[in-house]
C-alpha atoms as a PDB file:
ATOM      1  CA  UNK A   1      79.872 -13.619 -68.220  1.00  0.00           C
ATOM      2  CA  UNK A   2      82.005 -16.773 -68.101  1.00  0.00           C
ATOM      3  CA  UNK A   3      82.601 -18.530 -71.418  1.00  0.00           C
ATOM      4  CA  UNK A   4      85.301 -19.374 -73.942  1.00  0.00           C
ATOM      5  CA  UNK A   5      84.427 -15.963 -75.402  1.00  0.00           C
ATOM      6  CA  UNK A   6      84.829 -12.630 -73.616  1.00  0.00           C
ATOM      7  CA  UNK A   7      81.539 -10.746 -73.276  1.00  0.00           C
ATOM      8  CA  UNK A   8      80.959  -7.030 -72.698  1.00  0.00           C
ATOM      9  CA  UNK A   9      78.187  -4.481 -73.172  1.00  0.00           C
ATOM     10  CA  UNK A  10      78.034  -1.160 -75.020  1.00  0.00           C
ATOM     11  CA  UNK A  11      76.871   1.907 -73.100  1.00  0.00           C
ATOM     12  CA  UNK A  12      75.749   3.827 -76.204  1.00  0.00           C
ATOM     13  CA  UNK A  13      72.110   2.770 -75.867  1.00  0.00           C
ATOM     14  CA  UNK A  14      71.810   4.711 -72.602  1.00  0.00           C
ATOM     15  CA  UNK A  15      73.079   7.925 -74.211  1.00  0.00           C
ATOM     16  CA  UNK A  16      70.215   8.408 -76.639  1.00  0.00           C
ATOM     17  CA  UNK A  17      69.593  12.100 -75.900  1.00  0.00           C
ATOM     18  CA  UNK A  18      71.859  14.920 -74.836  1.00  0.00           C
ATOM     19  CA  UNK A  19      70.461  15.316 -71.335  1.00  0.00           C
ATOM     20  CA  UNK A  20      69.722  11.748 -70.213  1.00  0.00           C
ATOM     21  CA  UNK A  21      73.130  10.215 -69.452  1.00  0.00           C
ATOM     22  CA  UNK A  22      75.110  12.987 -67.827  1.00  0.00           C
ATOM     23  CA  UNK A  23      74.673  12.635 -64.063  1.00  0.00           C
ATOM     24  CA  UNK A  24      76.921  10.177 -62.291  1.00  0.00           C
ATOM     25  CA  UNK A  25      73.960   8.566 -60.549  1.00  0.00           C
ATOM     26  CA  UNK A  26      72.422   7.716 -63.936  1.00  0.00           C
ATOM     27  CA  UNK A  27      75.698   6.259 -65.120  1.00  0.00           C
ATOM     28  CA  UNK A  28      76.076   4.263 -61.919  1.00  0.00           C
ATOM     29  CA  UNK A  29      72.573   2.872 -62.363  1.00  0.00           C
ATOM     30  CA  UNK A  30      73.433   1.669 -65.867  1.00  0.00           C
ATOM     31  CA  UNK A  31      76.753   0.181 -64.793  1.00  0.00           C
ATOM     32  CA  UNK A  32      75.226  -1.613 -61.816  1.00  0.00           C
ATOM     33  CA  UNK A  33      72.446  -2.960 -64.034  1.00  0.00           C
ATOM     34  CA  UNK A  34      75.004  -4.437 -66.404  1.00  0.00           C
ATOM     35  CA  UNK A  35      77.044  -5.852 -63.536  1.00  0.00           C
ATOM     36  CA  UNK A  36      74.006  -7.578 -62.038  1.00  0.00           C
ATOM     37  CA  UNK A  37      73.257  -9.038 -65.472  1.00  0.00           C
ATOM     38  CA  UNK A  38      76.741 -10.537 -65.680  1.00  0.00           C
ATOM     39  CA  UNK A  39      78.665  -7.985 -67.756  1.00  0.00           C
ATOM     40  CA  UNK A  40      81.843  -6.746 -66.070  1.00  0.00           C
ATOM     41  CA  UNK A  41      83.322  -4.787 -68.997  1.00  0.00           C
ATOM     42  CA  UNK A  42      81.797  -1.970 -71.052  1.00  0.00           C
ATOM     43  CA  UNK A  43      82.456  -0.186 -74.318  1.00  0.00           C
ATOM     44  CA  UNK A  44      82.345   3.610 -74.496  1.00  0.00           C
ATOM     45  CA  UNK A  45      81.426   5.852 -77.417  1.00  0.00           C
ATOM     46  CA  UNK A  46      83.216   9.096 -78.281  1.00  0.00           C
ATOM     47  CA  UNK A  47      81.297  12.331 -78.094  1.00  0.00           C
ATOM     48  CA  UNK A  48      81.764  16.028 -77.451  1.00  0.00           C
ATOM     49  CA  UNK A  49      81.427  18.434 -74.581  1.00  0.00           C
ATOM     50  CA  UNK A  50      80.307  18.220 -70.976  1.00  0.00           C
ATOM     51  CA  UNK A  51      76.882  16.920 -71.966  1.00  0.00           C
ATOM     52  CA  UNK A  52      78.611  13.772 -73.223  1.00  0.00           C
ATOM     53  CA  UNK A  53      80.916  13.289 -70.295  1.00  0.00           C
ATOM     54  CA  UNK A  54      81.893   9.691 -71.058  1.00  0.00           C
ATOM     55  CA  UNK A  55      82.790  10.572 -74.632  1.00  0.00           C
ATOM     56  CA  UNK A  56      86.039  12.562 -74.392  1.00  0.00           C
ATOM     57  CA  UNK A  57      89.214  11.776 -72.442  1.00  0.00           C
ATOM     58  CA  UNK A  58      89.498  15.432 -71.409  1.00  0.00           C
ATOM     59  CA  UNK A  59      86.002  15.433 -69.904  1.00  0.00           C
ATOM     60  CA  UNK A  60      86.523  12.089 -68.195  1.00  0.00           C
ATOM     61  CA  UNK A  61      89.649  13.548 -66.579  1.00  0.00           C
ATOM     62  CA  UNK A  62      87.711  16.619 -65.397  1.00  0.00           C
ATOM     63  CA  UNK A  63      85.044  14.396 -63.847  1.00  0.00           C
ATOM     64  CA  UNK A  64      87.212  11.638 -62.419  1.00  0.00           C
ATOM     65  CA  UNK A  65      90.718  13.061 -62.084  1.00  0.00           C
ATOM     66  CA  UNK A  66      92.220  10.810 -64.752  1.00  0.00           C
ATOM     67  CA  UNK A  67      92.140   7.190 -65.948  1.00  0.00           C
ATOM     68  CA  UNK A  68      92.755   5.716 -62.484  1.00  0.00           C
ATOM     69  CA  UNK A  69      89.878   7.697 -61.014  1.00  0.00           C
ATOM     70  CA  UNK A  70      87.609   6.592 -63.837  1.00  0.00           C
ATOM     71  CA  UNK A  71      88.508   2.947 -63.241  1.00  0.00           C
ATOM     72  CA  UNK A  72      87.699   3.445 -59.557  1.00  0.00           C
ATOM     73  CA  UNK A  73      84.303   4.842 -60.607  1.00  0.00           C
ATOM     74  CA  UNK A  74      83.626   1.737 -62.723  1.00  0.00           C
ATOM     75  CA  UNK A  75      84.821  -0.676 -60.052  1.00  0.00           C
ATOM     76  CA  UNK A  76      82.588   1.009 -57.517  1.00  0.00           C
ATOM     77  CA  UNK A  77      79.763  -0.315 -59.690  1.00  0.00           C
ATOM     78  CA  UNK A  78      81.355  -3.800 -59.962  1.00  0.00           C
ATOM     79  CA  UNK A  79      82.447  -3.186 -63.552  1.00  0.00           C
ATOM     80  CA  UNK A  80      86.076  -4.181 -63.988  1.00  0.00           C
ATOM     81  CA  UNK A  81      87.108  -2.272 -67.081  1.00  0.00           C
ATOM     82  CA  UNK A  82      86.684  -0.900 -70.585  1.00  0.00           C
ATOM     83  CA  UNK A  83      87.015  -2.958 -73.757  1.00  0.00           C
ATOM     84  CA  UNK A  84      87.442   0.048 -76.022  1.00  0.00           C
ATOM     85  CA  UNK A  85      85.784   3.127 -77.450  1.00  0.00           C
ATOM     86  CA  UNK A  86      83.924   3.818 -80.691  1.00  0.00           C
ATOM     87  CA  UNK A  87      85.114   6.955 -82.526  1.00  0.00           C
ATOM     88  CA  UNK A  88      84.004   8.636 -85.758  1.00  0.00           C
ATOM     89  CA  UNK A  89      86.689  11.087 -86.974  1.00  0.00           C
ATOM     90  CA  UNK A  90      84.193  12.624 -89.392  1.00  0.00           C
ATOM     91  CA  UNK A  91      81.956  13.814 -86.561  1.00  0.00           C
ATOM     92  CA  UNK A  92      82.653  17.503 -85.832  1.00  0.00           C
ATOM     93  CA  UNK A  93      83.347  18.117 -82.138  1.00  0.00           C
ATOM     94  CA  UNK A  94      83.552  21.176 -79.918  1.00  0.00           C
ATOM     95  CA  UNK A  95      87.043  20.274 -78.692  1.00  0.00           C
ATOM     96  CA  UNK A  96      88.444  20.650 -82.210  1.00  0.00           C
ATOM     97  CA  UNK A  97      86.546  23.726 -83.323  1.00  0.00           C
ATOM     98  CA  UNK A  98      83.786  21.762 -85.075  1.00  0.00           C
ATOM     99  CA  UNK A  99      86.166  20.925 -87.906  1.00  0.00           C
ATOM    100  CA  UNK A 100      84.678  18.673 -90.575  1.00  0.00           C
ATOM    101  CA  UNK A 101      87.116  16.016 -91.774  1.00  0.00           C
ATOM    102  CA  UNK A 102      86.957  13.132 -94.193  1.00  0.00           C
ATOM    103  CA  UNK A 103      89.161  10.065 -94.479  1.00  0.00           C
ATOM    104  CA  UNK A 104      88.690  10.357 -98.256  1.00  0.00           C
ATOM    105  CA  UNK A 105      90.599  13.659 -98.225  1.00  0.00           C
ATOM    106  CA  UNK A 106      94.391  13.253 -97.911  1.00  0.00           C
ATOM    107  CA  UNK A 107      94.623  16.850 -96.695  1.00  0.00           C
ATOM    108  CA  UNK A 108      92.706  15.819 -93.562  1.00  0.00           C
ATOM    109  CA  UNK A 109      94.823  12.769 -92.748  1.00  0.00           C
ATOM    110  CA  UNK A 110      97.392  14.423 -90.491  1.00  0.00           C
ATOM    111  CA  UNK A 111      94.646  16.052 -88.412  1.00  0.00           C
ATOM    112  CA  UNK A 112      92.759  12.758 -88.121  1.00  0.00           C
ATOM    113  CA  UNK A 113      95.880  10.995 -86.863  1.00  0.00           C
ATOM    114  CA  UNK A 114      96.423  13.714 -84.255  1.00  0.00           C
ATOM    115  CA  UNK A 115      92.756  13.566 -83.253  1.00  0.00           C
ATOM    116  CA  UNK A 116      93.131   9.860 -82.558  1.00  0.00           C
ATOM    117  CA  UNK A 117      95.990  10.303 -80.082  1.00  0.00           C
ATOM    118  CA  UNK A 118      93.955  11.381 -77.002  1.00  0.00           C
ATOM    119  CA  UNK A 119      91.664   8.384 -77.439  1.00  0.00           C
ATOM    120  CA  UNK A 120      94.569   5.983 -77.912  1.00  0.00           C
ATOM    121  CA  UNK A 121      96.376   7.362 -74.864  1.00  0.00           C
ATOM    122  CA  UNK A 122      93.239   7.138 -72.728  1.00  0.00           C
ATOM    123  CA  UNK A 123      92.468   3.581 -73.832  1.00  0.00           C
ATOM    124  CA  UNK A 124      96.032   2.513 -73.099  1.00  0.00           C
ATOM    125  CA  UNK A 125      95.847   4.117 -69.659  1.00  0.00           C
ATOM    126  CA  UNK A 126      92.654   2.243 -68.694  1.00  0.00           C
ATOM    127  CA  UNK A 127      93.860  -1.069 -70.138  1.00  0.00           C
ATOM    128  CA  UNK A 128      91.376  -1.152 -73.014  1.00  0.00           C
ATOM    129  CA  UNK A 129      92.191  -3.148 -76.131  1.00  0.00           C
ATOM    130  CA  UNK A 130      90.477  -1.532 -79.119  1.00  0.00           C
ATOM    131  CA  UNK A 131      89.876   1.839 -80.700  1.00  0.00           C
ATOM    132  CA  UNK A 132      86.821   1.049 -82.823  1.00  0.00           C
ATOM    133  CA  UNK A 133      86.401   3.533 -85.670  1.00  0.00           C
ATOM    134  CA  UNK A 134      84.045   4.491 -88.461  1.00  0.00           C
ATOM    135  CA  UNK A 135      86.361   4.219 -91.458  1.00  0.00           C
ATOM    136  CA  UNK A 136      84.470   6.570 -93.777  1.00  0.00           C
ATOM    137  CA  UNK A 137      81.454   8.824 -93.559  1.00  0.00           C
ATOM    138  CA  UNK A 138      77.888   8.182 -94.713  1.00  0.00           C
ATOM    139  CA  UNK A 139      77.227   7.589 -98.397  1.00  0.00           C
ATOM    140  CA  UNK A 140      74.553  10.259 -98.685  1.00  0.00           C
ATOM    141  CA  UNK A 141      77.004  13.042 -97.826  1.00  0.00           C
ATOM    142  CA  UNK A 142      79.527  12.280-100.580  1.00  0.00           C
ATOM    143  CA  UNK A 143      79.804  11.135-104.182  1.00  0.00           C
ATOM    144  CA  UNK A 144      80.194   7.431-104.967  1.00  0.00           C
ATOM    145  CA  UNK A 145      83.641   5.993-104.313  1.00  0.00           C
ATOM    146  CA  UNK A 146      86.199   6.693-107.011  1.00  0.00           C
ATOM    147  CA  UNK A 147      88.711   4.073-108.092  1.00  0.00           C
ATOM    148  CA  UNK A 148      91.462   5.252-105.734  1.00  0.00           C
ATOM    149  CA  UNK A 149      89.323   6.296-102.737  1.00  0.00           C
ATOM    150  CA  UNK A 150      89.627   3.026-100.857  1.00  0.00           C
ATOM    151  CA  UNK A 151      93.427   3.149-101.042  1.00  0.00           C
ATOM    152  CA  UNK A 152      93.325   6.717 -99.683  1.00  0.00           C
ATOM    153  CA  UNK A 153      91.049   5.677 -96.812  1.00  0.00           C
ATOM    154  CA  UNK A 154      93.319   2.740 -96.065  1.00  0.00           C
ATOM    155  CA  UNK A 155      96.348   5.023 -95.885  1.00  0.00           C
ATOM    156  CA  UNK A 156      95.032   7.105 -92.994  1.00  0.00           C
ATOM    157  CA  UNK A 157      93.958   4.064 -91.014  1.00  0.00           C
ATOM    158  CA  UNK A 158      97.365   2.504 -91.441  1.00  0.00           C
ATOM    159  CA  UNK A 159      98.828   5.662 -89.905  1.00  0.00           C
ATOM    160  CA  UNK A 160      96.349   5.647 -87.018  1.00  0.00           C
ATOM    161  CA  UNK A 161      97.097   1.943 -86.586  1.00  0.00           C
ATOM    162  CA  UNK A 162     100.777   2.745 -86.091  1.00  0.00           C
ATOM    163  CA  UNK A 163      99.929   5.250 -83.350  1.00  0.00           C
ATOM    164  CA  UNK A 164      97.620   2.752 -81.658  1.00  0.00           C
ATOM    165  CA  UNK A 165     100.068  -0.140 -81.918  1.00  0.00           C
ATOM    166  CA  UNK A 166     102.835   1.951 -80.369  1.00  0.00           C
ATOM    167  CA  UNK A 167     100.599   2.401 -77.320  1.00  0.00           C
ATOM    168  CA  UNK A 168      99.584  -1.254 -77.175  1.00  0.00           C
ATOM    169  CA  UNK A 169      96.047  -0.598 -78.434  1.00  0.00           C
ATOM    170  CA  UNK A 170      94.374  -2.310 -81.389  1.00  0.00           C
ATOM    171  CA  UNK A 171      92.524  -0.502 -84.167  1.00  0.00           C
ATOM    172  CA  UNK A 172      89.317  -1.970 -85.602  1.00  0.00           C
ATOM    173  CA  UNK A 173      87.343  -0.583 -88.554  1.00  0.00           C
ATOM    174  CA  UNK A 174      83.614  -0.746 -87.865  1.00  0.00           C
ATOM    175  CA  UNK A 175      81.292  -1.380 -90.806  1.00  0.00           C
ATOM    176  CA  UNK A 176      78.008   0.477 -90.626  1.00  0.00           C
ATOM    177  CA  UNK A 177      75.042   0.243 -92.943  1.00  0.00           C
ATOM    178  CA  UNK A 178      75.075   3.925 -93.961  1.00  0.00           C
ATOM    179  CA  UNK A 179      78.741   3.964 -94.902  1.00  0.00           C
ATOM    180  CA  UNK A 180      80.166   4.911 -98.287  1.00  0.00           C
ATOM    181  CA  UNK A 181      82.083   1.618 -98.022  1.00  0.00           C
ATOM    182  CA  UNK A 182      78.902  -0.405 -98.271  1.00  0.00           C
ATOM    183  CA  UNK A 183      79.140  -3.662-100.200  1.00  0.00           C
ATOM    184  CA  UNK A 184      81.002  -6.817 -99.228  1.00  0.00           C
ATOM    185  CA  UNK A 185      83.396  -6.184-102.111  1.00  0.00           C
ATOM    186  CA  UNK A 186      84.132  -2.633-100.961  1.00  0.00           C
ATOM    187  CA  UNK A 187      84.641  -3.759 -97.387  1.00  0.00           C
ATOM    188  CA  UNK A 188      86.972  -6.520 -98.542  1.00  0.00           C
ATOM    189  CA  UNK A 189      88.979  -4.077-100.639  1.00  0.00           C
ATOM    190  CA  UNK A 190      89.305  -1.726 -97.668  1.00  0.00           C
ATOM    191  CA  UNK A 191      90.670  -4.558 -95.554  1.00  0.00           C
ATOM    192  CA  UNK A 192      93.093  -5.424 -98.354  1.00  0.00           C
ATOM    193  CA  UNK A 193      94.212  -1.766 -98.437  1.00  0.00           C
ATOM    194  CA  UNK A 194      95.189  -1.837 -94.773  1.00  0.00           C
ATOM    195  CA  UNK A 195      98.022  -3.567 -92.956  1.00  0.00           C
ATOM    196  CA  UNK A 196      96.672  -6.620 -91.073  1.00  0.00           C
ATOM    197  CA  UNK A 197      99.331  -6.102 -88.415  1.00  0.00           C
ATOM    198  CA  UNK A 198      97.925  -2.645 -87.677  1.00  0.00           C
ATOM    199  CA  UNK A 199      94.246  -2.644 -88.642  1.00  0.00           C
ATOM    200  CA  UNK A 200      91.502  -5.127 -87.799  1.00  0.00           C
ATOM    201  CA  UNK A 201      87.756  -5.287 -88.387  1.00  0.00           C
ATOM    202  CA  UNK A 202      84.974  -4.691 -85.878  1.00  0.00           C
ATOM    203  CA  UNK A 203      82.227  -6.924 -87.244  1.00  0.00           C
ATOM    204  CA  UNK A 204      78.729  -5.687 -86.411  1.00  0.00           C
ATOM    205  CA  UNK A 205      76.201  -8.426 -87.092  1.00  0.00           C
ATOM    206  CA  UNK A 206      73.125  -6.202 -87.493  1.00  0.00           C
ATOM    207  CA  UNK A 207      74.850  -3.481 -89.523  1.00  0.00           C
ATOM    208  CA  UNK A 208      76.190  -6.056 -91.981  1.00  0.00           C
ATOM    209  CA  UNK A 209      72.778  -7.684 -92.275  1.00  0.00           C
ATOM    210  CA  UNK A 210      71.024  -4.382 -92.965  1.00  0.00           C
ATOM    211  CA  UNK A 211      73.647  -3.684 -95.624  1.00  0.00           C
ATOM    212  CA  UNK A 212      72.935  -7.010 -97.325  1.00  0.00           C
ATOM    213  CA  UNK A 213      76.024  -8.887 -96.081  1.00  0.00           C
ATOM    214  CA  UNK A 214      75.701 -12.232 -94.285  1.00  0.00           C
ATOM    215  CA  UNK A 215      77.740 -11.820 -91.075  1.00  0.00           C
ATOM    216  CA  UNK A 216      78.337 -15.557 -90.652  1.00  0.00           C
ATOM    217  CA  UNK A 217      79.637 -15.993 -94.204  1.00  0.00           C
ATOM    218  CA  UNK A 218      81.712 -12.829 -94.019  1.00  0.00           C
ATOM    219  CA  UNK A 219      83.274 -13.905 -90.734  1.00  0.00           C
ATOM    220  CA  UNK A 220      84.142 -17.326 -92.123  1.00  0.00           C
ATOM    221  CA  UNK A 221      85.776 -15.689 -95.145  1.00  0.00           C
ATOM    222  CA  UNK A 222      87.628 -12.935 -93.260  1.00  0.00           C
ATOM    223  CA  UNK A 223      87.907 -14.290 -89.728  1.00  0.00           C
ATOM    224  CA  UNK A 224      91.639 -13.579 -89.545  1.00  0.00           C
ATOM    225  CA  UNK A 225      90.939  -9.836 -89.770  1.00  0.00           C
ATOM    226  CA  UNK A 226      88.126  -9.706 -87.213  1.00  0.00           C
ATOM    227  CA  UNK A 227      89.471  -8.363 -83.917  1.00  0.00           C
ATOM    228  CA  UNK A 228      86.257  -7.052 -82.332  1.00  0.00           C
ATOM    229  CA  UNK A 229      82.539  -7.884 -82.524  1.00  0.00           C
ATOM    230  CA  UNK A 230      79.324  -5.945 -81.974  1.00  0.00           C
ATOM    231  CA  UNK A 231      76.509  -8.448 -81.519  1.00  0.00           C
ATOM    232  CA  UNK A 232      72.924  -7.391 -82.095  1.00  0.00           C
ATOM    233  CA  UNK A 233      69.983  -8.382 -84.289  1.00  0.00           C
ATOM    234  CA  UNK A 234      67.742  -6.751 -86.875  1.00  0.00           C
ATOM    235  CA  UNK A 235      64.475  -7.594 -88.595  1.00  0.00           C
ATOM    236  CA  UNK A 236      65.154  -5.564 -91.715  1.00  0.00           C
ATOM    237  CA  UNK A 237      67.493  -5.047 -94.640  1.00  0.00           C
ATOM    238  CA  UNK A 238      67.996  -2.005 -96.849  1.00  0.00           C
ATOM    239  CA  UNK A 239      65.792  -2.933 -99.805  1.00  0.00           C
ATOM    240  CA  UNK A 240      66.525  -0.052-102.149  1.00  0.00           C
ATOM    241  CA  UNK A 241      69.610   2.017-101.420  1.00  0.00           C
ATOM    242  CA  UNK A 242      67.856   3.718 -98.535  1.00  0.00           C
ATOM    243  CA  UNK A 243      71.291   4.402 -97.070  1.00  0.00           C
ATOM    244  CA  UNK A 244      71.740   7.032 -99.797  1.00  0.00           C
ATOM    245  CA  UNK A 245      68.684   9.007 -98.707  1.00  0.00           C
ATOM    246  CA  UNK A 246      69.510  12.579 -97.651  1.00  0.00           C
ATOM    247  CA  UNK A 247      69.961  12.665 -93.913  1.00  0.00           C
ATOM    248  CA  UNK A 248      69.851   8.867 -93.736  1.00  0.00           C
ATOM    249  CA  UNK A 249      70.718   8.846 -90.024  1.00  0.00           C
ATOM    250  CA  UNK A 250      67.237  10.246 -89.384  1.00  0.00           C
ATOM    251  CA  UNK A 251      65.272   9.577 -92.574  1.00  0.00           C
ATOM    252  CA  UNK A 252      66.249   5.899 -92.637  1.00  0.00           C
ATOM    253  CA  UNK A 253      67.415   4.748 -89.217  1.00  0.00           C
ATOM    254  CA  UNK A 254      64.969   6.868 -87.224  1.00  0.00           C
ATOM    255  CA  UNK A 255      62.314   7.642 -89.815  1.00  0.00           C
ATOM    256  CA  UNK A 256      61.972   4.173 -91.257  1.00  0.00           C
ATOM    257  CA  UNK A 257      63.088   4.956 -94.788  1.00  0.00           C
ATOM    258  CA  UNK A 258      59.494   5.359 -95.950  1.00  0.00           C
ATOM    259  CA  UNK A 259      58.567   1.905 -94.620  1.00  0.00           C
ATOM    260  CA  UNK A 260      57.506   3.129 -91.173  1.00  0.00           C
ATOM    261  CA  UNK A 261      60.138   1.006 -89.486  1.00  0.00           C
ATOM    262  CA  UNK A 262      60.033   1.962 -85.820  1.00  0.00           C
ATOM    263  CA  UNK A 263      63.558   0.731 -85.124  1.00  0.00           C
ATOM    264  CA  UNK A 264      66.262  -1.165 -86.986  1.00  0.00           C
ATOM    265  CA  UNK A 265      68.266  -2.715 -84.152  1.00  0.00           C
ATOM    266  CA  UNK A 266      66.924  -5.401 -81.845  1.00  0.00           C
ATOM    267  CA  UNK A 267      67.850  -7.561 -78.904  1.00  0.00           C
ATOM    268  CA  UNK A 268      69.259 -11.042 -79.390  1.00  0.00           C
ATOM    269  CA  UNK A 269      66.569 -13.625 -80.042  1.00  0.00           C
ATOM    270  CA  UNK A 270      64.014 -11.107 -81.285  1.00  0.00           C
ATOM    271  CA  UNK A 271      61.097 -12.679 -83.153  1.00  0.00           C
ATOM    272  CA  UNK A 272      61.754 -12.394 -86.880  1.00  0.00           C
ATOM    273  CA  UNK A 273      65.428 -11.586 -86.387  1.00  0.00           C
ATOM    274  CA  UNK A 274      67.541 -11.990 -89.515  1.00  0.00           C
ATOM    275  CA  UNK A 275      70.892 -12.546 -87.802  1.00  0.00           C
ATOM    276  CA  UNK A 276      71.660 -16.210 -87.166  1.00  0.00           C
ATOM    277  CA  UNK A 277      73.089 -15.419 -83.751  1.00  0.00           C
ATOM    278  CA  UNK A 278      73.637 -19.032 -82.734  1.00  0.00           C
ATOM    279  CA  UNK A 279      75.515 -19.883 -85.939  1.00  0.00           C
ATOM    280  CA  UNK A 280      77.625 -16.744 -85.646  1.00  0.00           C
ATOM    281  CA  UNK A 281      78.578 -17.392 -82.019  1.00  0.00           C
ATOM    282  CA  UNK A 282      79.290 -21.035 -82.858  1.00  0.00           C
ATOM    283  CA  UNK A 283      81.704 -19.845 -85.555  1.00  0.00           C
ATOM    284  CA  UNK A 284      83.427 -17.542 -83.058  1.00  0.00           C
ATOM    285  CA  UNK A 285      83.808 -20.394 -80.600  1.00  0.00           C
ATOM    286  CA  UNK A 286      85.007 -22.840 -83.236  1.00  0.00           C
ATOM    287  CA  UNK A 287      87.731 -20.461 -84.346  1.00  0.00           C
ATOM    288  CA  UNK A 288      88.564 -19.512 -80.747  1.00  0.00           C
ATOM    289  CA  UNK A 289      87.959 -15.816 -81.369  1.00  0.00           C
ATOM    290  CA  UNK A 290      90.243 -13.953 -78.937  1.00  0.00           C
ATOM    291  CA  UNK A 291      88.671 -10.485 -78.973  1.00  0.00           C
ATOM    292  CA  UNK A 292      85.745  -8.952 -77.143  1.00  0.00           C
ATOM    293  CA  UNK A 293      82.154  -9.731 -78.128  1.00  0.00           C
ATOM    294  CA  UNK A 294      80.269  -6.563 -77.228  1.00  0.00           C
ATOM    295  CA  UNK A 295      76.504  -6.929 -76.981  1.00  0.00           C
ATOM    296  CA  UNK A 296      74.783  -3.809 -78.224  1.00  0.00           C
ATOM    297  CA  UNK A 297      71.241  -2.489 -78.560  1.00  0.00           C
ATOM    298  CA  UNK A 298      72.056   0.868 -80.177  1.00  0.00           C
ATOM    299  CA  UNK A 299      69.032   3.004 -79.239  1.00  0.00           C
ATOM    300  CA  UNK A 300      66.669   0.082 -79.692  1.00  0.00           C
ATOM    301  CA  UNK A 301      64.340   0.862 -76.788  1.00  0.00           C
ATOM    302  CA  UNK A 302      64.443   0.895 -72.996  1.00  0.00           C
ATOM    303  CA  UNK A 303      68.137   0.199 -72.333  1.00  0.00           C
ATOM    304  CA  UNK A 304      67.773  -1.691 -69.057  1.00  0.00           C
ATOM    305  CA  UNK A 305      65.004  -3.886 -70.446  1.00  0.00           C
ATOM    306  CA  UNK A 306      67.009  -4.731 -73.553  1.00  0.00           C
ATOM    307  CA  UNK A 307      70.103  -5.501 -71.483  1.00  0.00           C
ATOM    308  CA  UNK A 308      68.020  -7.926 -69.415  1.00  0.00           C
ATOM    309  CA  UNK A 309      66.692  -9.623 -72.552  1.00  0.00           C
ATOM    310  CA  UNK A 310      70.190  -9.896 -73.994  1.00  0.00           C
ATOM    311  CA  UNK A 311      71.559 -11.334 -70.767  1.00  0.00           C
ATOM    312  CA  UNK A 312      68.753 -13.906 -70.672  1.00  0.00           C
ATOM    313  CA  UNK A 313      69.499 -14.937 -74.267  1.00  0.00           C
ATOM    314  CA  UNK A 314      73.206 -15.385 -73.577  1.00  0.00           C
ATOM    315  CA  UNK A 315      72.516 -17.535 -70.538  1.00  0.00           C
ATOM    316  CA  UNK A 316      69.618 -19.643 -71.821  1.00  0.00           C
ATOM    317  CA  UNK A 317      70.234 -19.862 -75.573  1.00  0.00           C
ATOM    318  CA  UNK A 318      74.032 -19.547 -75.867  1.00  0.00           C
ATOM    319  CA  UNK A 319      74.923 -21.338 -72.623  1.00  0.00           C
ATOM    320  CA  UNK A 320      77.001 -18.483 -71.249  1.00  0.00           C
ATOM    321  CA  UNK A 321      77.349 -18.655 -67.483  1.00  0.00           C
ATOM    322  CA  UNK A 322      76.682 -15.496 -65.512  1.00  0.00           C
ATOM    323  CA  UNK A 323      79.524 -14.656 -63.136  1.00  0.00           C
END
């Protein structure tokens, strides 16, 4: 896409089940689809094991011989590069013995910093700009935040930020609607607890909206901290602390939270969408946002169909020229 903003697309929507995005031919099909639609950069998501072979640097190296081989694989599909990778340090993975870690626990901080290094090194090697991270785990799995928890969480991300900065990679904290850092006040305090030279914010328009935060207003207030954007829409908000439901990843986001909501995340321009996409993009353009704007569908439906709808919206409603 050609614009004053830099546009990319997230691959996570294709990897919605363990066995559906493993073969190289399936990955090539997705990459070529995005290229045809005008997206020449993609965002990866961290995972675990050979069944998630775009999710770990070690597995990418086994499959492609290293960062250069992986870039050749992308370019063979007319995709020029990677914007970054999303990583949740609280997600247990095979490569680290299924260890469960929390950014709220200072005893886990050293291990979290070390866990970040392979991702930082890989991103630097492929020329990516951002390690996008989940700053704290879901609210339903832990007690409410104590008075000093946000400072503790900020400490570990400052340390990861130092590692990333030394490699020439940015670090961006990604707000999500199930997070223990949930309100606009809590998110603001987390940003205040981190060093702006080391830690930015990945603003996700739909996640903020579901959590009851206006993404346009929040961007205007905190635009200097926003270094990365995930752009998608939603038709719903969390009306009653549904994010605290046990197993909220399935009971809320996939089970509807008792409201029989089939899905929470939608393509740009969806009927009834609550995100003012045009106003948000106008604000990005007005402030000359320098980072990547990554369009995302996040398991919203047929991935190729949604990518087509998103590409159409960018071209016809946001006046973004397709390369």
